[in-house]
Protein backbone atom coordinates (compact mmCIF):
# COMPACT_ATOMS: atom_id res chain seq x y z
CA UNK A 1 -23.67 -39.47 -56.77
CA UNK A 2 -22.53 -41.18 -53.73
CA UNK A 3 -23.75 -44.84 -53.26
CA UNK A 4 -26.29 -45.34 -50.39
CA UNK A 5 -24.73 -47.03 -47.32
CA UNK A 6 -25.22 -50.67 -47.46
CA UNK A 7 -27.40 -52.22 -44.77
CA UNK A 8 -25.99 -54.39 -41.94
CA UNK A 9 -26.34 -57.90 -42.23
CA UNK A 10 -27.02 -60.61 -39.54
CA UNK A 11 -23.90 -62.43 -40.82
CA UNK A 12 -21.99 -59.10 -40.34
CA UNK A 13 -23.42 -58.78 -36.88
CA UNK A 14 -22.36 -62.02 -35.64
CA UNK A 15 -18.84 -61.80 -36.61
CA UNK A 16 -16.80 -62.35 -33.62
CA UNK A 17 -13.02 -61.87 -32.79
CA UNK A 18 -13.50 -63.52 -29.23
CA UNK A 19 -15.11 -66.80 -30.06
CA UNK A 20 -18.36 -65.78 -28.42
CA UNK A 21 -21.57 -65.08 -30.70
CA UNK A 22 -24.34 -63.68 -28.24
CA UNK A 23 -28.12 -63.77 -29.31
CA UNK A 24 -29.22 -60.71 -27.06
CA UNK A 25 -33.33 -60.46 -27.04
CA UNK A 26 -34.63 -56.92 -26.34
CA UNK A 27 -31.74 -54.67 -27.76
CA UNK A 28 -34.34 -52.18 -28.44
CA UNK A 29 -34.89 -51.93 -24.60
CA UNK A 30 -32.58 -49.94 -22.17
CA UNK A 31 -30.31 -52.93 -20.62
CA UNK A 32 -30.17 -54.52 -23.61
CA UNK A 33 -29.30 -51.68 -25.90
CA UNK A 34 -26.24 -50.91 -23.60
CA UNK A 35 -25.21 -54.42 -22.97
CA UNK A 36 -25.45 -55.33 -26.67
CA UNK A 37 -23.07 -52.05 -27.43
CA UNK A 38 -20.57 -53.58 -24.64
CA UNK A 39 -20.29 -56.81 -25.95
CA UNK A 40 -19.66 -55.83 -29.92
CA UNK A 41 -17.23 -53.09 -28.50
CA UNK A 42 -15.07 -55.82 -26.98
CA UNK A 43 -15.08 -58.18 -30.11
CA UNK A 44 -18.01 -60.48 -29.70
CA UNK A 45 -20.44 -61.49 -32.49
CA UNK A 46 -23.89 -59.95 -31.49
CA UNK A 47 -27.21 -60.09 -32.90
CA UNK A 48 -30.62 -58.57 -31.38
CA UNK A 49 -34.14 -59.29 -31.16
CA UNK A 50 -37.03 -57.34 -30.18
CA UNK A 51 -40.75 -57.13 -30.78
CA UNK A 52 -41.05 -53.01 -30.71
CA UNK A 53 -44.20 -53.28 -28.84
CA UNK A 54 -46.20 -50.11 -27.80
CA UNK A 55 -45.76 -50.64 -23.87
CA UNK A 56 -44.23 -47.28 -24.18
CA UNK A 57 -43.55 -45.40 -27.66
CA UNK A 58 -41.97 -47.63 -29.71
CA UNK A 59 -40.23 -44.66 -31.84
CA UNK A 60 -37.84 -44.63 -28.85
CA UNK A 61 -37.22 -48.02 -29.25
CA UNK A 62 -36.49 -47.76 -32.95
CA UNK A 63 -33.82 -44.89 -31.86
CA UNK A 64 -32.17 -47.29 -29.61
CA UNK A 65 -31.84 -49.94 -32.66
CA UNK A 66 -30.75 -47.20 -34.97
CA UNK A 67 -28.08 -46.34 -32.54
CA UNK A 68 -26.89 -50.06 -32.07
CA UNK A 69 -27.16 -50.54 -36.04
CA UNK A 70 -24.35 -47.73 -36.03
CA UNK A 71 -22.00 -49.31 -33.51
CA UNK A 72 -22.56 -52.58 -35.77
CA UNK A 73 -25.35 -54.58 -34.02
CA UNK A 74 -28.56 -55.67 -35.99
CA UNK A 75 -31.65 -55.60 -34.35
CA UNK A 76 -34.11 -58.35 -35.95
CA UNK A 77 -38.01 -57.72 -35.26
CA UNK A 78 -38.78 -61.06 -34.02
CA UNK A 79 -41.31 -62.05 -31.03
CA UNK A 80 -40.53 -64.51 -28.52
CA UNK A 81 -43.54 -66.15 -29.20
CA UNK A 82 -42.34 -67.16 -32.75
CA UNK A 83 -40.71 -70.11 -31.71
CA UNK A 84 -39.94 -71.40 -35.48
CA UNK A 85 -38.37 -68.01 -35.94
CA UNK A 86 -36.09 -68.33 -32.68
CA UNK A 87 -34.94 -72.07 -33.56
CA UNK A 88 -33.94 -71.02 -37.21
CA UNK A 89 -31.83 -67.81 -35.97
CA UNK A 90 -30.11 -70.28 -33.40
CA UNK A 91 -29.46 -73.05 -36.13
CA UNK A 92 -28.31 -70.33 -38.64
CA UNK A 93 -25.75 -68.45 -36.50
CA UNK A 94 -24.74 -71.07 -33.70
CA UNK A 95 -24.74 -68.80 -30.87
CA UNK A 96 -22.40 -69.55 -28.07
CA UNK A 97 -24.61 -67.23 -25.65
CA UNK A 98 -28.03 -66.35 -25.10
CA UNK A 99 -28.47 -62.96 -23.05
CA UNK A 100 -32.27 -63.11 -22.52
CA UNK A 101 -33.25 -59.40 -21.30
CA UNK A 102 -36.42 -59.11 -23.22
CA UNK A 103 -39.76 -58.87 -21.01
CA UNK A 104 -42.89 -57.59 -20.32
CA UNK A 105 -41.59 -54.80 -18.09
CA UNK A 106 -43.37 -52.85 -15.11
CA UNK A 107 -44.67 -53.70 -11.83
CA UNK A 108 -48.18 -51.44 -12.19
CA UNK A 109 -49.15 -52.35 -15.76
CA UNK A 110 -49.56 -55.95 -14.74
CA UNK A 111 -52.87 -54.74 -12.89
CA UNK A 112 -54.15 -53.61 -16.19
CA UNK A 113 -52.89 -56.31 -18.87
CA UNK A 114 -52.12 -59.60 -16.84
CA UNK A 115 -51.87 -61.66 -19.99
CA UNK A 116 -49.14 -59.81 -21.36
CA UNK A 117 -46.63 -60.70 -18.68
CA UNK A 118 -48.05 -64.58 -19.12
CA UNK A 119 -47.09 -64.19 -23.04
CA UNK A 120 -43.90 -62.83 -22.70
CA UNK A 121 -42.19 -63.30 -19.31
CA UNK A 122 -43.79 -67.27 -19.34
CA UNK A 123 -44.62 -68.45 -22.83
CA UNK A 124 -41.42 -66.37 -24.14
CA UNK A 125 -39.24 -67.37 -21.54
CA UNK A 126 -39.84 -71.10 -22.23
CA UNK A 127 -39.58 -70.78 -25.79
CA UNK A 128 -36.17 -68.98 -25.44
CA UNK A 129 -34.98 -72.26 -23.28
CA UNK A 130 -36.62 -74.80 -25.92
CA UNK A 131 -35.00 -73.11 -28.54
CA UNK A 132 -31.64 -73.24 -27.00
CA UNK A 133 -32.02 -76.93 -25.68
CA UNK A 134 -32.48 -78.30 -29.10
CA UNK A 135 -29.28 -76.74 -30.58
CA UNK A 136 -26.21 -78.85 -30.81
CA UNK A 137 -23.69 -77.66 -28.96
CA UNK A 138 -26.54 -75.90 -26.62
CA UNK A 139 -25.62 -72.24 -26.10
CA UNK A 140 -25.52 -71.02 -22.19
CA UNK A 141 -28.21 -68.51 -21.00
CA UNK A 142 -27.91 -65.44 -19.03
CA UNK A 143 -31.52 -64.14 -18.31
CA UNK A 144 -32.87 -60.96 -16.44
CA UNK A 145 -34.75 -61.55 -13.34
CA UNK A 146 -35.66 -59.15 -10.92
CA UNK A 147 -35.16 -57.49 -7.06
CA UNK A 148 -39.19 -57.72 -7.30
CA UNK A 149 -38.89 -61.27 -6.59
CA UNK A 150 -38.25 -60.46 -2.89
CA UNK A 151 -41.52 -58.95 -2.48
CA UNK A 152 -42.84 -58.58 0.90
CA UNK A 153 -39.40 -59.68 2.45
CA UNK A 154 -38.44 -57.20 5.49
CA UNK A 155 -35.02 -58.53 6.06
CA UNK A 156 -32.41 -56.11 4.22
CA UNK A 157 -30.02 -56.11 2.35
CA UNK A 158 -31.93 -58.86 0.06
CA UNK A 159 -29.50 -61.54 -0.59
CA UNK A 160 -29.76 -64.47 -3.18
CA UNK A 161 -30.12 -67.09 -0.44
CA UNK A 162 -33.64 -65.25 1.14
CA UNK A 163 -36.88 -67.24 0.68
CA UNK A 164 -38.66 -65.61 -2.14
CA UNK A 165 -42.02 -67.16 -2.01
CA UNK A 166 -44.02 -63.93 -1.55
CA UNK A 167 -44.08 -61.94 -4.60
CA UNK A 168 -46.04 -58.58 -4.27
CA UNK A 169 -46.88 -58.26 -8.11
CA UNK A 170 -47.67 -60.42 -11.17
CA UNK A 171 -44.41 -59.09 -13.00
CA UNK A 172 -42.42 -60.40 -9.56
CA UNK A 173 -44.38 -63.81 -9.96
CA UNK A 174 -43.33 -64.12 -13.51
CA UNK A 175 -39.75 -63.45 -12.82
CA UNK A 176 -39.49 -65.82 -9.95
CA UNK A 177 -41.24 -68.67 -12.40
CA UNK A 178 -38.51 -67.67 -14.80
CA UNK A 179 -35.86 -68.74 -12.31
CA UNK A 180 -37.91 -71.90 -11.17
CA UNK A 181 -38.05 -72.84 -15.12
CA UNK A 182 -34.61 -72.25 -15.51
CA UNK A 183 -33.37 -74.60 -12.79
CA UNK A 184 -35.58 -77.57 -14.52
CA UNK A 185 -33.99 -76.82 -17.64
CA UNK A 186 -30.36 -77.09 -16.16
CA UNK A 187 -31.44 -80.22 -14.29
CA UNK A 188 -33.17 -82.25 -17.35
CA UNK A 189 -31.39 -80.90 -20.23
CA UNK A 190 -27.81 -79.55 -19.01
CA UNK A 191 -28.60 -76.08 -19.88
CA UNK A 192 -26.06 -73.57 -18.09
CA UNK A 193 -28.17 -70.37 -16.84
CA UNK A 194 -27.36 -67.64 -14.96
CA UNK A 195 -30.33 -65.19 -13.38
CA UNK A 196 -29.70 -61.54 -13.20
CA UNK A 197 -31.81 -59.77 -10.34
CA UNK A 198 -31.63 -56.19 -11.17
CA UNK A 199 -32.08 -53.10 -9.00
CA UNK A 200 -33.93 -50.03 -10.32
CA UNK A 201 -31.64 -49.33 -13.10
CA UNK A 202 -31.42 -45.72 -14.63
CA UNK A 203 -29.18 -43.97 -16.99
CA UNK A 204 -29.07 -42.65 -20.59
CA UNK A 205 -31.67 -43.89 -23.12
CA UNK A 206 -33.69 -45.28 -19.90
CA UNK A 207 -37.17 -46.06 -19.97
CA UNK A 208 -40.04 -43.28 -20.08
CA UNK A 209 -42.25 -45.23 -17.78
CA UNK A 210 -39.34 -45.12 -15.01
CA UNK A 211 -39.11 -42.78 -12.40
CA UNK A 212 -36.12 -41.05 -13.42
CA UNK A 213 -37.44 -40.18 -17.05
CA UNK A 214 -41.01 -39.19 -15.60
CA UNK A 215 -39.62 -36.90 -12.82
CA UNK A 216 -37.04 -35.24 -15.06
CA UNK A 217 -39.79 -34.57 -17.54
CA UNK A 218 -42.40 -33.10 -15.28
CA UNK A 219 -39.68 -30.80 -13.55
CA UNK A 220 -38.81 -29.40 -16.62
CA UNK A 221 -42.46 -29.17 -17.80
CA UNK A 222 -43.47 -27.61 -13.96
CA UNK A 223 -45.75 -30.42 -13.81
CA UNK A 224 -46.89 -32.22 -10.81
CA UNK A 225 -44.34 -34.80 -9.38
CA UNK A 226 -46.27 -37.47 -7.50
CA UNK A 227 -44.26 -39.28 -4.87
CA UNK A 228 -45.79 -42.39 -3.21
CA UNK A 229 -45.42 -42.98 0.30
CA UNK A 230 -45.98 -46.27 2.67
CA UNK A 231 -47.95 -46.58 5.75
CA UNK A 232 -47.49 -43.85 8.12
CA UNK A 233 -46.46 -41.56 5.51
CA UNK A 234 -42.93 -43.45 5.32
CA UNK A 235 -40.64 -43.10 2.28
CA UNK A 236 -40.32 -45.45 -0.23
CA UNK A 237 -36.61 -46.51 -0.77
CA UNK A 238 -34.74 -47.74 -3.67
CA UNK A 239 -31.30 -49.24 -4.54
CA UNK A 240 -30.89 -47.11 -7.78
CA UNK A 241 -28.16 -48.58 -9.84
CA UNK A 242 -26.69 -46.77 -12.78
CA UNK A 243 -26.65 -48.81 -16.07
CA UNK A 244 -22.89 -48.64 -16.53
CA UNK A 245 -22.59 -51.00 -13.34
CA UNK A 246 -25.46 -53.29 -14.70
CA UNK A 247 -23.65 -53.80 -18.14
CA UNK A 248 -20.28 -54.82 -16.15
CA UNK A 249 -22.37 -57.28 -14.14
CA UNK A 250 -24.20 -58.38 -17.58
CA UNK A 251 -21.05 -58.94 -19.48
CA UNK A 252 -19.16 -60.32 -16.32
CA UNK A 253 -21.98 -63.34 -16.43
CA UNK A 254 -21.75 -64.00 -20.14
CA UNK A 255 -17.86 -64.59 -19.39
CA UNK A 256 -18.52 -66.55 -16.00
CA UNK A 257 -21.14 -68.94 -17.35
CA UNK A 258 -20.14 -72.42 -18.14
CA UNK A 259 -20.87 -74.46 -21.23
CA UNK A 260 -24.11 -76.20 -21.48
CA UNK A 261 -23.47 -79.78 -20.99
CA UNK A 262 -24.49 -82.19 -18.25
CA UNK A 263 -21.42 -82.21 -16.72
CA UNK A 264 -20.61 -78.58 -16.62
CA UNK A 265 -23.82 -76.91 -16.50
CA UNK A 266 -24.50 -74.33 -13.77
CA UNK A 267 -27.55 -72.65 -12.30
CA UNK A 268 -27.17 -69.62 -10.18
CA UNK A 269 -28.51 -66.27 -9.28
CA UNK A 270 -26.86 -62.78 -8.70
CA UNK A 271 -28.06 -59.58 -7.38
CA UNK A 272 -26.99 -56.53 -9.43
CA UNK A 273 -27.78 -53.37 -7.31
CA UNK A 274 -25.87 -50.34 -6.10
CA UNK A 275 -25.97 -51.83 -2.29
CA UNK A 276 -26.97 -48.04 -1.09
CA UNK A 277 -30.59 -47.59 -1.17
CA UNK A 278 -32.22 -43.90 -1.13
CA UNK A 279 -35.72 -42.33 -0.63
CA UNK A 280 -37.66 -41.36 -3.69
CA UNK A 281 -37.60 -37.86 -2.09
CA UNK A 282 -33.55 -38.05 -2.40
CA UNK A 283 -33.72 -38.95 -6.22
CA UNK A 284 -35.87 -35.76 -6.82
CA UNK A 285 -33.61 -33.88 -4.88
CA UNK A 286 -30.70 -35.03 -7.17
CA UNK A 287 -32.67 -34.18 -10.13
CA UNK A 288 -33.46 -30.98 -8.98
CA UNK A 289 -29.83 -30.34 -8.43
CA UNK A 290 -28.58 -31.38 -11.71
CA UNK A 291 -31.80 -29.57 -13.60
CA UNK A 292 -31.18 -26.35 -11.47
CA UNK A 293 -35.02 -26.35 -11.19
CA UNK A 294 -37.57 -27.49 -8.42
CA UNK A 295 -40.16 -30.02 -8.57
CA UNK A 296 -43.60 -29.42 -7.64
CA UNK A 297 -44.11 -32.20 -5.23
CA UNK A 298 -47.44 -33.88 -4.22
CA UNK A 299 -46.92 -36.95 -1.59
CA UNK A 300 -49.73 -39.25 -1.67
CA UNK A 301 -50.42 -43.29 -0.63
CA UNK A 302 -48.91 -45.88 -2.45
CA UNK A 303 -51.73 -47.24 -4.67
CA UNK A 304 -52.00 -51.39 -4.40
CA UNK A 305 -50.51 -52.09 -7.55
CA UNK A 306 -47.66 -54.39 -6.22
CA UNK A 307 -44.67 -52.07 -5.53
CA UNK A 308 -42.75 -52.59 -2.45
CA UNK A 309 -41.72 -50.66 0.22
CA UNK A 310 -37.75 -50.83 0.12
CA UNK A 311 -35.29 -52.60 -2.23
CA UNK A 312 -31.72 -53.34 -0.98
CA UNK A 313 -29.14 -55.33 -2.74
CA UNK A 314 -26.56 -57.60 -0.97
CA UNK A 315 -24.15 -57.80 -3.80
CA UNK A 316 -21.56 -59.62 -2.13
CA UNK A 317 -21.93 -62.94 -4.13
CA UNK A 318 -21.57 -61.19 -7.19
CA UNK A 319 -18.50 -59.28 -6.21
CA UNK A 320 -16.98 -62.45 -5.12
CA UNK A 321 -17.68 -64.45 -8.48
CA UNK A 322 -18.43 -61.80 -11.07
CA UNK A 323 -15.80 -59.11 -9.60
CA UNK A 324 -18.88 -56.83 -9.37
CA UNK A 325 -18.38 -53.50 -7.82
CA UNK A 326 -21.00 -50.85 -8.44
CA UNK A 327 -18.96 -47.49 -8.25
CA UNK A 328 -21.42 -44.75 -9.39
CA UNK A 329 -22.88 -42.49 -7.00
CA UNK A 330 -26.66 -41.23 -7.54
CA UNK A 331 -25.20 -37.54 -7.85
CA UNK A 332 -22.62 -38.76 -10.55
CA UNK A 333 -25.12 -41.05 -12.42
CA UNK A 334 -28.13 -38.51 -12.40
CA UNK A 335 -25.46 -36.03 -13.73
CA UNK A 336 -24.81 -38.39 -16.60
CA UNK A 337 -28.62 -38.94 -17.28
CA UNK A 338 -29.49 -35.09 -17.29
CA UNK A 339 -26.86 -34.28 -19.71
CA UNK A 340 -27.55 -37.03 -21.94
CA UNK A 341 -31.52 -36.00 -21.61
CA UNK A 342 -30.84 -32.15 -22.24
CA UNK A 343 -28.43 -33.09 -25.36
CA UNK A 344 -30.73 -35.87 -26.89
CA UNK A 345 -33.95 -34.03 -26.23
CA UNK A 346 -32.24 -30.40 -27.02
CA UNK A 347 -35.11 -29.67 -29.66
CA UNK A 348 -37.95 -31.12 -27.35
CA UNK A 349 -39.52 -34.54 -26.81
CA UNK A 350 -41.03 -36.29 -29.74
CA UNK A 351 -44.68 -35.69 -29.69
CA UNK A 352 -45.50 -39.28 -28.64
CA UNK A 353 -42.97 -39.04 -25.64
CA UNK A 354 -44.16 -35.75 -24.77
CA UNK A 355 -47.79 -36.92 -24.55
CA UNK A 356 -46.90 -40.41 -22.87
CA UNK A 357 -48.42 -41.21 -19.83
CA UNK A 358 -47.14 -44.31 -18.30
CA UNK A 359 -49.54 -47.10 -17.88
């Protein structure tokens, strides 16, 4: 009888041929999953953590974690609120970097459960920084911010130097708070920090609460596709950014960040977007074309949940300092997405995803 395959250990997951050992938070999430794979593929040691919460079905997150384990990256079930466990992990594995991508996601859900954002995005973020700053040497920290911090700004495209003091949602407010908190840890402790403002990321393994997944599912099922509009029936616009482009920016940030010392620490923010905003109607057009099926569209006013009318990224700083050059068109990206969706769900959605309605 063949022996059962040996389970991957944390020590094996952390083995590195590059000298970099990265703790990635949120590896059962969309961006964390893809970036952890990319780091491991190039030889970095990578260990993941995730709390596998039920904001959307955890079964999908467990599928990502299982696929990661096949690629050599272990995901441990750890909550950011567990400070003792965070410190123990950092002491044991001596991470050179933390890529902090875990967060309570979603703009609209904050109107239903605001405390989950405070717990994860504020308390959890401080715990990560506190755990990092008591290490010797301290790891460098790259963390996820969001394009939502630009809030009610009307100047486009959004640049990192723009004022960001009018967040339109609690989610945005927590992400802007992360940026301010990170700055204080650099100032007081010499912790080196880079914040990444992501713009509407989509692609294979994408979140089921996001528009691309939701619209694809509804078009295939023949269900109503609700498209929100701004004042005077204006179209919402988003800077849809394909996951592979985002991953390149994340990996480049891990390479760019300086050591965490008083003399060398940096504190910088970068936009990671696609620089070509398109309407949500254009997104639906593109999904229709890739699926070969028309959507049952209904246009309606945008509810007061904190969404903004337009996001548009100025990525010139990331281009200059990270060599970040997004190259995936919406047509190509949606083509990759639909091909993955049809292959991954060729036997149909699991019951929990089939019945899932974004909160």
